[in-house]
Protein backbone atom coordinates (compact mmCIF):
# COMPACT_ATOMS: atom_id res chain seq x y z
CA MET A 1 39.97 -43.07 -16.85
CA ASN A 2 38.82 -44.79 -20.01
CA ARG A 3 36.04 -43.19 -22.00
CA SER A 4 33.23 -45.21 -20.26
CA GLN A 5 34.40 -44.14 -16.74
CA ARG A 6 34.88 -40.61 -17.96
CA LEU A 7 31.21 -40.45 -19.31
CA VAL A 8 29.92 -41.63 -15.95
CA ALA A 9 32.00 -39.04 -14.06
CA ILE A 10 30.91 -36.28 -16.41
CA MET A 11 27.24 -37.08 -15.79
CA ARG A 12 27.75 -37.04 -12.13
CA LEU A 13 29.39 -33.63 -12.37
CA LEU A 14 26.59 -32.27 -14.48
CA SER A 15 23.96 -33.50 -12.21
CA GLU A 16 25.45 -31.98 -9.29
CA ARG A 17 25.43 -28.48 -10.89
CA PRO A 18 22.05 -28.20 -12.76
CA GLY A 19 21.77 -25.10 -14.88
CA GLU A 20 25.31 -23.96 -14.17
CA LEU A 21 27.55 -23.06 -17.20
CA LEU A 22 30.57 -25.16 -16.95
CA PRO A 23 33.55 -24.31 -19.33
CA LEU A 24 35.29 -27.13 -21.13
CA SER A 25 38.37 -26.27 -19.08
CA PHE A 26 36.46 -27.39 -16.00
CA PHE A 27 36.51 -30.93 -17.38
CA THR A 28 40.00 -30.84 -19.12
CA GLU A 29 41.59 -29.89 -15.85
CA ARG A 30 39.74 -32.57 -13.84
CA PHE A 31 40.32 -35.39 -16.30
CA GLY A 32 43.55 -34.35 -17.94
CA THR A 33 42.26 -34.56 -21.47
CA ALA A 34 42.10 -32.29 -24.53
CA LYS A 35 39.09 -30.09 -25.18
CA SER A 36 38.39 -32.02 -28.35
CA THR A 37 38.09 -35.21 -26.39
CA ILE A 38 35.78 -33.58 -23.87
CA SER A 39 33.66 -32.23 -26.77
CA GLU A 40 33.26 -35.79 -28.11
CA ASP A 41 32.26 -37.03 -24.65
CA LEU A 42 29.59 -34.29 -24.31
CA ALA A 43 28.29 -35.20 -27.72
CA LEU A 44 27.85 -38.73 -26.57
CA VAL A 45 26.05 -37.65 -23.37
CA LYS A 46 23.84 -35.37 -25.32
CA GLU A 47 23.01 -38.25 -27.81
CA ALA A 48 22.13 -40.58 -25.00
CA LEU A 49 19.93 -37.90 -23.25
CA GLU A 50 18.01 -37.26 -26.54
CA ALA A 51 17.53 -41.05 -27.11
CA ASP A 52 16.11 -41.46 -23.64
CA GLY A 53 14.05 -38.25 -23.77
CA SER A 54 15.32 -37.05 -20.37
CA GLY A 55 17.44 -34.22 -19.22
CA ARG A 56 18.55 -31.33 -21.44
CA LEU A 57 22.12 -30.61 -22.30
CA ARG A 58 23.05 -27.21 -24.03
CA THR A 59 26.45 -26.38 -25.33
CA HIS A 60 27.77 -22.80 -25.87
CA PRO A 61 30.54 -22.27 -28.36
CA GLY A 62 33.36 -19.79 -27.98
CA ALA A 63 36.03 -18.86 -25.52
CA ALA A 64 33.40 -17.81 -22.85
CA GLY A 65 31.11 -20.89 -23.64
CA GLY A 66 30.77 -24.31 -22.01
CA VAL A 67 28.00 -26.66 -21.27
CA GLN A 68 24.73 -26.53 -19.19
CA TYR A 69 22.69 -29.60 -18.07
CA TRP A 70 19.17 -29.67 -16.61
CA PRO A 71 18.05 -33.05 -14.92
CA LEU A 72 14.47 -33.12 -16.41
CA PRO A 73 12.26 -36.25 -16.59
CA SER A 74 11.27 -37.90 -19.70
CA ALA A 75 7.66 -37.79 -20.82
CA ALA A 76 7.28 -41.47 -19.64
CA GLU A 77 8.89 -40.68 -16.22
CA GLU A 78 6.58 -37.71 -15.84
CA GLN A 79 3.47 -39.61 -16.57
CA GLU A 80 4.44 -42.50 -14.30
CA THR A 81 5.09 -40.05 -11.44
CA ILE A 82 1.81 -38.24 -11.91
CA GLN A 83 -0.23 -41.37 -12.03
CA GLU A 84 1.46 -42.60 -8.84
CA LEU A 85 0.91 -39.25 -7.07
CA CYS A 86 -2.86 -39.56 -8.01
CA ARG A 87 -3.05 -42.96 -6.61
CA LEU A 88 -1.39 -41.79 -3.28
CA LEU A 89 -3.43 -38.73 -2.91
CA SER A 90 -6.64 -40.50 -3.58
CA ASP A 91 -6.20 -42.63 -0.49
CA PRO A 92 -9.21 -41.98 1.91
CA GLY A 93 -6.90 -41.93 4.83
CA ARG A 94 -5.62 -38.56 3.80
CA ILE A 95 -8.87 -36.87 4.16
CA LEU A 96 -8.71 -34.10 6.83
CA PRO A 97 -11.56 -32.15 8.46
CA GLY A 98 -12.89 -29.35 6.28
CA GLY A 99 -12.38 -31.36 3.06
CA PHE A 100 -8.72 -30.92 2.98
CA VAL A 101 -6.13 -33.69 1.83
CA TYR A 102 -3.01 -34.37 3.70
CA MET A 103 -0.01 -34.10 1.31
CA THR A 104 2.68 -32.68 3.53
CA ASP A 105 4.57 -36.11 3.68
CA LEU A 106 5.13 -36.01 -0.04
CA LEU A 107 6.19 -32.45 -0.17
CA THR A 108 8.71 -32.89 2.64
CA HIS A 109 10.15 -36.15 1.23
CA PRO A 110 13.29 -35.37 -0.69
CA ILE A 111 12.74 -38.03 -3.21
CA TRP A 112 9.17 -37.07 -4.03
CA SER A 113 9.58 -33.29 -3.88
CA ALA A 114 12.48 -33.70 -6.24
CA ARG A 115 10.49 -35.63 -8.68
CA ILE A 116 7.64 -33.20 -8.50
CA GLY A 117 10.02 -30.32 -8.79
CA ALA A 118 11.71 -31.53 -11.84
CA ILE A 119 8.37 -31.94 -13.63
CA LEU A 120 7.35 -28.28 -12.85
CA ALA A 121 10.93 -27.38 -13.94
CA ALA A 122 10.47 -29.12 -17.29
CA ARG A 123 7.23 -27.26 -17.82
CA PHE A 124 8.71 -23.82 -17.44
CA ILE A 125 12.33 -24.20 -18.55
CA ASP A 126 11.66 -22.57 -22.00
CA ALA A 127 10.11 -19.48 -20.13
CA GLU A 128 13.68 -18.71 -18.98
CA PRO A 129 12.98 -17.60 -15.43
CA ASP A 130 15.91 -16.46 -13.44
CA VAL A 131 14.37 -16.88 -9.90
CA VAL A 132 11.71 -18.96 -8.22
CA LEU A 133 9.28 -17.25 -5.82
CA THR A 134 7.13 -19.04 -3.23
CA VAL A 135 5.45 -18.07 0.01
CA GLU A 136 6.20 -19.67 3.44
CA THR A 137 5.96 -22.29 4.53
CA LYS A 138 4.55 -25.43 2.85
CA GLY A 139 5.46 -24.48 -0.65
CA ILE A 140 9.15 -24.12 0.32
CA PRO A 141 10.42 -27.69 -0.26
CA LEU A 142 8.78 -27.85 -3.57
CA ALA A 143 9.87 -24.46 -4.79
CA LEU A 144 13.41 -25.29 -3.54
CA MET A 145 13.49 -28.42 -5.71
CA VAL A 146 12.10 -26.57 -8.82
CA ALA A 147 14.84 -23.96 -8.29
CA ARG A 148 17.50 -26.69 -7.93
CA ALA A 149 16.42 -28.56 -11.13
CA LEU A 150 16.65 -25.13 -13.06
CA GLY A 151 19.81 -24.02 -11.31
CA LEU A 152 18.12 -20.85 -9.94
CA PRO A 153 17.82 -19.06 -6.58
CA MET A 154 14.67 -19.31 -4.65
CA VAL A 155 13.02 -16.31 -3.01
CA MET A 156 10.64 -16.78 -0.16
CA ALA A 157 7.75 -14.31 0.53
CA ARG A 158 7.13 -14.01 4.21
CA ARG A 159 3.95 -13.48 6.22
CA GLU A 160 5.79 -10.84 8.35
CA GLY A 161 8.72 -8.61 7.55
CA ARG A 162 11.93 -9.39 9.36
CA VAL A 163 14.79 -6.94 10.07
CA THR A 164 17.40 -9.56 8.82
CA GLU A 165 15.80 -9.27 5.28
CA GLY A 166 16.55 -5.55 5.03
CA PRO A 167 14.30 -3.13 3.14
CA SER A 168 11.14 -4.92 1.71
CA VAL A 169 7.95 -4.53 -0.20
CA THR A 170 4.76 -5.51 1.79
CA LEU A 171 1.49 -6.39 0.09
CA HIS A 172 -1.91 -6.85 1.76
CA TYR A 173 -4.54 -9.11 0.29
CA ILE A 174 -7.89 -10.88 1.09
CA SER A 175 -8.10 -14.58 1.45
CA GLY A 176 -10.64 -16.03 -0.98
CA SER A 177 -12.18 -18.49 1.63
CA SER A 178 -12.01 -16.79 4.99
CA ARG A 179 -12.11 -13.15 3.65
CA ARG A 180 -9.33 -12.44 6.14
CA ILE A 181 -6.67 -9.82 5.39
CA HIS A 182 -3.17 -11.35 4.92
CA THR A 183 0.25 -9.84 4.52
CA MET A 184 3.11 -10.75 2.11
CA THR A 185 6.55 -9.30 2.26
CA VAL A 186 9.48 -9.82 0.03
CA GLY A 187 12.97 -8.39 0.61
CA LEU A 188 14.36 -5.93 -2.00
CA ARG A 189 17.62 -7.61 -2.02
CA ALA A 190 16.06 -10.95 -2.71
CA LEU A 191 13.95 -10.03 -5.72
CA ARG A 192 15.62 -7.49 -8.02
CA ARG A 193 14.03 -5.18 -10.55
CA GLY A 194 13.79 -6.89 -13.92
CA SER A 195 13.88 -10.34 -12.64
CA ARG A 196 12.03 -13.02 -14.54
CA VAL A 197 9.92 -14.79 -11.88
CA LEU A 198 8.52 -18.24 -11.72
CA VAL A 199 5.77 -18.39 -9.03
CA VAL A 200 5.50 -21.79 -7.31
CA ASP A 201 3.06 -23.06 -4.66
CA ASP A 202 1.92 -26.42 -3.38
CA PHE A 203 -1.88 -25.95 -3.44
CA MET A 204 -4.33 -23.47 -4.99
CA LYS A 205 -8.13 -23.24 -4.34
CA ALA A 206 -9.27 -19.69 -5.41
CA GLY A 207 -5.72 -18.48 -6.23
CA THR A 208 -5.58 -15.48 -3.96
CA THR A 209 -2.07 -16.42 -2.63
CA ALA A 210 -0.76 -16.98 -6.10
CA LYS A 211 -2.28 -13.63 -7.35
CA ALA A 212 -0.66 -11.95 -4.37
CA MET A 213 2.84 -13.24 -5.34
CA VAL A 214 2.21 -12.18 -8.93
CA ASP A 215 1.17 -8.67 -7.64
CA VAL A 216 4.10 -8.36 -5.25
CA ALA A 217 6.57 -9.28 -7.96
CA GLY A 218 5.11 -6.64 -10.12
CA GLU A 219 5.33 -4.03 -7.45
CA MET A 220 9.08 -4.83 -7.31
CA GLY A 221 9.44 -4.24 -10.98
CA ALA A 222 9.84 -7.94 -11.81
CA THR A 223 8.02 -10.04 -14.64
CA VAL A 224 6.26 -13.23 -13.74
CA VAL A 225 6.84 -15.68 -16.63
CA GLY A 226 4.85 -18.50 -15.10
CA VAL A 227 2.88 -19.89 -12.16
CA GLY A 228 3.35 -23.44 -11.29
CA ILE A 229 1.14 -25.34 -8.75
CA PHE A 230 1.31 -28.82 -7.50
CA VAL A 231 -2.46 -29.41 -6.81
CA THR A 232 -5.38 -27.25 -7.68
CA THR A 233 -9.06 -27.67 -6.84
CA ALA A 234 -11.67 -28.18 -9.50
CA LEU A 235 -13.89 -25.61 -7.92
CA PRO A 236 -13.96 -22.56 -8.09
CA GLU A 237 -13.35 -23.11 -11.76
CA ARG A 238 -12.36 -19.49 -12.20
CA LYS A 239 -9.12 -18.69 -10.32
CA GLN A 240 -7.65 -15.31 -9.33
CA VAL A 241 -4.66 -16.02 -11.68
CA GLU A 242 -5.50 -16.15 -15.42
CA HIS A 243 -2.72 -18.38 -16.71
CA TYR A 244 -1.11 -21.23 -14.50
CA THR A 245 0.09 -24.77 -14.75
CA SER A 246 -0.88 -27.42 -12.20
CA LEU A 247 0.14 -31.13 -12.16
CA LEU A 248 -2.85 -32.45 -10.32
CA THR A 249 -6.54 -31.59 -9.83
CA LEU A 250 -8.45 -32.21 -6.64
CA GLN A 251 -11.84 -33.05 -8.11
CA ASP A 252 -13.73 -34.08 -5.11
CA VAL A 253 -13.63 -34.69 -1.35
CA ASP A 254 -16.50 -36.54 0.39
CA GLU A 255 -15.90 -36.69 4.12
CA GLU A 256 -18.91 -38.82 4.80
CA GLN A 257 -18.37 -41.41 2.15
CA ARG A 258 -14.66 -41.24 2.73
CA VAL A 259 -13.89 -40.62 -1.02
CA VAL A 260 -11.32 -38.45 -2.41
CA ARG A 261 -10.47 -38.07 -6.16
CA VAL A 262 -7.25 -36.62 -7.57
CA VAL A 263 -6.71 -36.72 -11.24
CA PRO A 264 -3.90 -35.42 -13.60
CA ALA A 265 -4.51 -31.76 -14.42
CA GLN A 266 -5.21 -30.86 -18.06
CA ARG A 267 -2.32 -29.33 -19.80
CA PRO A 268 -3.18 -25.61 -20.56
CA THR A 269 -3.13 -24.35 -24.12
CA LYS A 270 -1.31 -21.36 -22.94
CA GLU A 271 0.97 -21.32 -19.99
């Protein structure tokens, strides 16, 4: 390969392994080149990423070092995606009985869920989580894409305990809207004591489910370093979780007038 071909191949390899620490020997053995040549190639890749404002490349010196890459969107790409999502979700045809908005098609579409997940990953990468926690079932595709963009495992809180999960911690909590008692269970092998947890969910109204995930992580000796939500409702203004980051705000749904308004969420001063 010449340098141009090698740079393309390097980017492909990095994109396939987000967040993974790859030693320089991984590239030298694959391309049959010296470490100094690979170092020069990676410097060019990093320069291009910085010029474009997308992705993050981190090099680690020393014998045990290497390179890590996270496929994160640029500020322009993030803004474009959020504006397009607002347009799609503000379609009156998405209104469901009870004032809900249909968004399952976006969350289960691999392209859209990957773009949304990458934006949330960019918001929390500096918090340095080491696991992504969500609750079954609608939040799973989004949480998995956040986890992939960060190169982290995903842990799923279940509504019911399963023997295949082994010993677990179970938490009971009251839904904010229906006032019904719900159960949340997380396996001890899935979420270890001392883990730095990023909580991710697709939708939040009062925040009781997100709060339950924060609480169950605390019961297991883990530390929650962030709460990321795709869409939150404007009301109630006060949520059960104090600090969270959402991408979109559902401001109003009028079933009679067939009007739905979804806008970009304000960036919090403290995440």
